[in-house]
């Protein structure tokens, strides 16, 4: 009986070769499209999962009374967070003004200056919040000294080949930095950085110390790691009370125009479409991703 079914099926396929070929091709394309949608979704939703305690990490955001929002706050904002808000375990800033820098190896005769698109100046506590995995050097002590820099694995190879870059010096921007570490590029993250340089460096530390306006100079990403189990909504209330304590008088001159909130680390890559900044231009957008996936599914349904 089963053999008869097989013979009948083969005879039918042979009789309708063109229709069968079209159906098989359509099925193959549909399966390939489904596989692509699955892999794309897996890729987009995997950003920042490699950081330790990633569910406890947030970025402080700002909303403005006149409309609009920003993923940044003022330079002095992070100063007292740990001491005044007990739920905050670690905090670190990243200068989001511009990620493009001219970088040149020092002490190797005439070296080629390179224009790198994703180099960032950060607080010495940066790796206590975002735990990049190190290939060389020690994450805990990488920024213990001033004028230090940590390179990505690909940038270290580009500059130094197979030689160890530890202890070598590079010029980034207007400063000379000692290389103290190389971080792996072993998981996707929203920064996609070429290097991180300590803002405890010549000229920069003086600028930070001399900045007292919490409202105008608002180009700094501020990442916080909460103690596990903290009530996020309560922390947001504390942040806004903190803002009023330290910047209330300054904000009055601008019409009390700003409030703060927290964006989960896992939301940064796909849910930052409302923001406009250098780093946000590198992110995805969940609206476009879902729309694209829907169109593919409809096309091959």
Protein backbone atom coordinates (compact mmCIF):
# COMPACT_ATOMS: atom_id res chain seq x y z
CA UNK A 1 0.00 0.00 0.00
CA UNK A 2 2.74 2.44 0.97
CA UNK A 3 4.66 1.69 -2.24
CA UNK A 4 1.56 2.52 -4.25
CA UNK A 5 1.32 5.89 -2.55
CA UNK A 6 4.96 6.61 -3.37
CA UNK A 7 4.50 5.60 -7.00
CA UNK A 8 1.38 7.72 -7.29
CA UNK A 9 3.15 10.72 -5.78
CA UNK A 10 6.16 10.37 -8.09
CA UNK A 11 3.89 9.97 -11.10
CA UNK A 12 1.98 13.11 -10.10
CA UNK A 13 5.21 15.06 -9.62
CA UNK A 14 6.47 13.96 -13.02
CA UNK A 15 3.17 14.85 -14.67
CA UNK A 16 3.19 18.36 -13.20
CA UNK A 17 6.93 19.10 -13.31
CA UNK A 18 6.64 22.87 -13.69
CA UNK A 19 4.10 23.30 -10.90
CA UNK A 20 6.13 21.04 -8.62
CA UNK A 21 9.35 22.95 -9.31
CA UNK A 22 7.65 26.26 -8.54
CA UNK A 23 6.18 24.89 -5.30
CA UNK A 24 9.50 23.41 -4.16
CA UNK A 25 11.35 26.62 -5.00
CA UNK A 26 8.76 28.72 -3.14
CA UNK A 27 9.01 26.44 -0.12
CA UNK A 28 12.81 26.70 -0.14
CA UNK A 29 12.70 30.49 -0.39
CA UNK A 30 10.11 30.67 2.38
CA UNK A 31 12.20 28.47 4.68
CA UNK A 32 15.31 30.52 3.89
CA UNK A 33 13.41 33.74 4.66
CA UNK A 34 12.20 32.32 7.98
CA UNK A 35 15.75 31.27 8.84
CA UNK A 36 17.02 34.76 7.96
CA UNK A 37 14.37 36.41 10.15
CA UNK A 38 15.31 34.12 13.04
CA UNK A 39 19.05 34.80 12.68
CA UNK A 40 18.47 38.54 12.29
CA UNK A 41 16.31 38.66 15.42
CA UNK A 42 18.86 36.58 17.33
CA UNK A 43 21.60 39.02 16.26
CA UNK A 44 19.69 42.20 17.10
CA UNK A 45 18.50 41.01 20.52
CA UNK A 46 21.92 39.70 21.57
CA UNK A 47 23.51 43.15 22.03
CA UNK A 48 25.06 43.82 25.46
CA UNK A 49 24.22 40.36 26.81
CA UNK A 50 27.91 39.62 27.41
CA UNK A 51 28.34 42.15 30.22
CA UNK A 52 28.30 40.84 33.78
CA UNK A 53 25.10 41.75 35.67
CA UNK A 54 23.70 43.28 32.48
CA UNK A 55 20.14 43.32 33.85
CA UNK A 56 21.26 45.68 36.63
CA UNK A 57 22.90 48.22 34.30
CA UNK A 58 21.08 51.34 33.07
CA UNK A 59 21.78 54.55 31.20
CA UNK A 60 20.50 57.83 32.64
CA UNK A 61 18.32 59.67 30.11
CA UNK A 62 16.79 63.15 29.97
CA UNK A 63 13.36 64.35 28.86
CA UNK A 64 12.68 68.00 28.14
CA UNK A 65 9.64 70.05 29.02
CA UNK A 66 9.46 71.56 25.54
CA UNK A 67 9.59 68.13 23.91
CA UNK A 68 12.36 65.79 22.94
CA UNK A 69 14.70 63.55 24.86
CA UNK A 70 18.40 62.72 25.12
CA UNK A 71 20.44 59.69 26.23
CA UNK A 72 22.84 62.01 28.03
CA UNK A 73 23.14 64.24 31.09
CA UNK A 74 25.47 67.02 32.24
CA UNK A 75 29.14 66.44 32.98
CA UNK A 76 28.85 66.98 36.78
CA UNK A 77 25.76 64.75 37.08
CA UNK A 78 27.60 61.58 38.12
CA UNK A 79 29.63 63.26 40.87
CA UNK A 80 27.50 62.42 43.92
CA UNK A 81 25.32 59.57 42.66
CA UNK A 82 27.01 56.77 44.63
CA UNK A 83 27.17 58.74 47.86
CA UNK A 84 23.58 60.05 47.74
CA UNK A 85 21.59 57.19 46.20
CA UNK A 86 22.26 53.95 48.11
CA UNK A 87 20.86 51.64 45.42
CA UNK A 88 23.64 52.66 43.02
CA UNK A 89 26.61 50.29 43.20
CA UNK A 90 28.78 51.76 40.43
CA UNK A 91 28.63 54.74 38.08
CA UNK A 92 30.68 55.88 35.11
CA UNK A 93 30.57 58.53 32.40
CA UNK A 94 31.42 58.38 28.73
CA UNK A 95 32.00 61.51 26.67
CA UNK A 96 29.52 61.30 23.79
CA UNK A 97 30.59 64.53 22.11
CA UNK A 98 32.34 62.79 19.22
CA UNK A 99 33.78 59.32 18.79
CA UNK A 100 36.11 60.22 15.91
CA UNK A 101 39.78 60.71 16.83
CA UNK A 102 43.18 60.76 15.15
CA UNK A 103 45.34 58.04 16.73
CA UNK A 104 49.06 57.59 16.14
CA UNK A 105 51.59 55.17 17.63
CA UNK A 106 54.50 56.90 19.38
CA UNK A 107 58.17 55.90 19.67
CA UNK A 108 58.31 53.87 16.44
CA UNK A 109 59.87 56.39 14.09
CA UNK A 110 57.46 57.84 11.56
CA UNK A 111 54.08 56.18 12.10
CA UNK A 112 50.88 56.66 10.15
CA UNK A 113 48.10 58.60 11.90
CA UNK A 114 44.75 56.83 11.66
CA UNK A 115 41.26 58.28 11.87
CA UNK A 116 39.30 56.03 14.24
CA UNK A 117 35.51 56.36 14.36
CA UNK A 118 34.74 54.94 17.79
CA UNK A 119 37.13 56.07 20.49
CA UNK A 120 35.71 57.26 23.81
CA UNK A 121 36.95 59.03 26.94
CA UNK A 122 35.56 57.45 30.09
CA UNK A 123 35.81 57.57 33.89
CA UNK A 124 38.38 55.24 35.54
CA UNK A 125 35.41 53.27 36.93
CA UNK A 126 34.14 52.44 33.44
CA UNK A 127 35.09 48.75 33.43
CA UNK A 128 33.48 48.32 36.86
CA UNK A 129 30.16 49.04 35.16
CA UNK A 130 30.66 47.59 31.68
CA UNK A 131 32.79 44.49 32.09
CA UNK A 132 34.52 44.11 28.74
CA UNK A 133 36.59 40.92 28.59
CA UNK A 134 40.31 41.57 28.46
CA UNK A 135 42.75 39.74 26.19
CA UNK A 136 45.74 41.51 27.75
CA UNK A 137 46.05 43.63 30.87
CA UNK A 138 43.83 43.74 33.93
CA UNK A 139 40.34 45.19 33.77
CA UNK A 140 40.42 46.18 37.44
CA UNK A 141 43.64 48.22 37.18
CA UNK A 142 43.63 49.37 33.54
CA UNK A 143 42.78 52.96 34.51
CA UNK A 144 44.54 53.05 37.89
CA UNK A 145 47.07 55.55 36.54
CA UNK A 146 46.36 58.75 34.59
CA UNK A 147 46.95 59.06 30.84
CA UNK A 148 46.07 55.43 30.08
CA UNK A 149 44.23 53.81 27.20
CA UNK A 150 42.73 50.40 26.40
CA UNK A 151 42.55 49.24 22.78
CA UNK A 152 40.19 46.86 21.03
CA UNK A 153 41.70 43.60 19.83
CA UNK A 154 41.40 44.66 16.18
CA UNK A 155 42.95 48.10 16.77
CA UNK A 156 45.85 46.59 18.73
CA UNK A 157 46.54 44.23 15.83
CA UNK A 158 46.28 47.10 13.35
CA UNK A 159 48.83 49.19 15.24
CA UNK A 160 51.19 46.58 16.67
CA UNK A 161 50.66 43.38 14.69
CA UNK A 162 51.49 40.33 16.81
CA UNK A 163 53.62 42.30 19.29
CA UNK A 164 52.21 43.11 22.72
CA UNK A 165 51.00 46.73 22.93
CA UNK A 166 51.14 46.81 26.74
CA UNK A 167 53.36 49.66 27.90
CA UNK A 168 53.54 51.21 24.43
CA UNK A 169 52.36 54.78 23.89
CA UNK A 170 49.88 56.22 21.42
CA UNK A 171 48.68 59.72 20.74
CA UNK A 172 44.88 60.04 20.76
CA UNK A 173 43.49 63.50 20.21
CA UNK A 174 45.99 65.90 21.78
CA UNK A 175 47.31 63.60 24.55
CA UNK A 176 49.88 60.83 24.84
CA UNK A 177 48.55 57.64 26.47
CA UNK A 178 50.13 54.45 27.76
CA UNK A 179 48.42 51.26 26.61
CA UNK A 180 47.40 49.22 29.65
CA UNK A 181 45.00 46.71 28.14
CA UNK A 182 43.42 45.08 25.11
CA UNK A 183 39.76 44.10 25.23
CA UNK A 184 38.19 41.28 23.26
CA UNK A 185 35.48 41.82 20.69
CA UNK A 186 33.76 38.60 21.66
CA UNK A 187 30.16 39.82 21.95
CA UNK A 188 27.98 42.47 20.38
CA UNK A 189 27.54 45.73 22.26
CA UNK A 190 26.08 49.14 21.50
CA UNK A 191 29.42 50.98 21.75
CA UNK A 192 31.40 48.97 19.16
CA UNK A 193 34.48 50.84 20.37
CA UNK A 194 37.99 51.07 18.95
CA UNK A 195 39.44 52.29 22.24
CA UNK A 196 38.62 53.69 25.66
CA UNK A 197 40.87 56.38 27.14
CA UNK A 198 40.79 57.50 30.76
CA UNK A 199 39.45 61.00 31.32
CA UNK A 200 41.88 61.19 34.25
CA UNK A 201 44.33 62.63 31.75
CA UNK A 202 46.15 65.87 31.02
CA UNK A 203 43.81 68.78 30.24
CA UNK A 204 40.69 66.60 30.53
CA UNK A 205 40.68 66.24 34.33
CA UNK A 206 41.02 70.01 34.67
CA UNK A 207 38.05 70.52 32.35
CA UNK A 208 35.95 68.10 34.40
CA UNK A 209 36.92 69.70 37.70
CA UNK A 210 36.12 73.17 36.36
CA UNK A 211 32.67 72.32 34.96
CA UNK A 212 29.85 73.24 37.33
CA UNK A 213 26.89 73.74 34.98
CA UNK A 214 24.63 70.67 35.10
CA UNK A 215 22.35 71.86 32.32
CA UNK A 216 24.32 73.22 29.39
CA UNK A 217 27.18 70.72 29.00
CA UNK A 218 24.93 67.68 28.67
CA UNK A 219 26.89 65.46 26.29
CA UNK A 220 27.78 62.67 28.70
CA UNK A 221 26.44 59.14 28.82
CA UNK A 222 26.10 58.16 32.46
CA UNK A 223 25.88 54.43 33.13
CA UNK A 224 24.89 53.09 36.52
CA UNK A 225 24.92 49.60 37.95
CA UNK A 226 22.24 49.08 40.57
CA UNK A 227 22.51 46.74 43.50
CA UNK A 228 20.69 43.56 42.53
CA UNK A 229 17.00 43.66 43.38
CA UNK A 230 16.75 47.46 43.56
CA UNK A 231 13.39 49.08 42.80
CA UNK A 232 14.03 50.89 39.52
CA UNK A 233 11.02 53.20 39.78
CA UNK A 234 12.14 54.29 43.24
CA UNK A 235 15.64 55.00 41.89
CA UNK A 236 14.14 57.16 39.12
CA UNK A 237 12.32 59.22 41.76
CA UNK A 238 15.58 59.56 43.67
CA UNK A 239 17.38 60.69 40.51
CA UNK A 240 14.91 63.50 39.92
CA UNK A 241 15.13 64.59 43.55
CA UNK A 242 18.93 64.49 43.18
CA UNK A 243 18.70 66.64 40.03
CA UNK A 244 16.57 69.22 41.82
CA UNK A 245 18.94 69.35 44.80
CA UNK A 246 22.00 70.02 42.72
CA UNK A 247 20.70 71.72 39.59
CA UNK A 248 17.30 73.11 40.56
CA UNK A 249 18.51 76.70 40.66
CA UNK A 250 20.27 76.35 37.31
CA UNK A 251 17.24 74.71 35.70
CA UNK A 252 14.94 77.53 36.80
CA UNK A 253 16.76 79.82 34.41
CA UNK A 254 15.70 77.41 31.65
CA UNK A 255 12.13 76.95 32.91
CA UNK A 256 12.57 73.71 34.92
CA UNK A 257 12.79 71.98 31.60
CA UNK A 258 14.35 68.59 32.36
CA UNK A 259 13.60 65.31 34.15
CA UNK A 260 15.59 62.07 34.27
CA UNK A 261 14.77 58.42 33.75
CA UNK A 262 16.63 55.12 33.29
CA UNK A 263 17.02 53.10 30.11
CA UNK A 264 17.90 49.40 30.59
CA UNK A 265 21.17 48.40 28.97
CA UNK A 266 19.31 45.75 26.95
CA UNK A 267 17.11 48.45 25.35
CA UNK A 268 19.89 50.72 24.09
CA UNK A 269 20.58 49.03 20.76
CA UNK A 270 16.99 48.64 19.54
CA UNK A 271 15.03 51.21 21.52
CA UNK A 272 16.99 54.44 21.11
CA UNK A 273 15.26 55.72 17.98
CA UNK A 274 14.00 58.87 19.69
CA UNK A 275 17.52 59.99 20.55
CA UNK A 276 19.99 61.80 18.33
CA UNK A 277 23.67 61.46 19.18
CA UNK A 278 26.85 60.00 17.71
CA UNK A 279 26.45 56.57 19.31
CA UNK A 280 22.74 56.33 18.49
CA UNK A 281 23.49 56.54 14.78
CA UNK A 282 25.12 53.10 15.08
CA UNK A 283 22.10 51.45 16.69
CA UNK A 284 19.25 49.46 15.23
CA UNK A 285 15.59 50.33 15.56
CA UNK A 286 13.04 47.80 16.73
CA UNK A 287 10.27 49.45 14.66
CA UNK A 288 12.18 48.95 11.42
CA UNK A 289 13.31 45.47 12.44
CA UNK A 290 9.76 44.30 13.20
CA UNK A 291 8.39 45.95 10.04
CA UNK A 292 11.05 44.29 7.88
CA UNK A 293 10.41 40.88 9.43
CA UNK A 294 6.65 41.30 8.95
CA UNK A 295 7.09 42.23 5.29
CA UNK A 296 9.21 39.14 4.67
CA UNK A 297 6.67 36.89 6.38
CA UNK A 298 3.78 38.41 4.40
CA UNK A 299 5.67 38.13 1.11
CA UNK A 300 6.27 34.42 1.52
CA UNK A 301 3.07 33.49 3.35
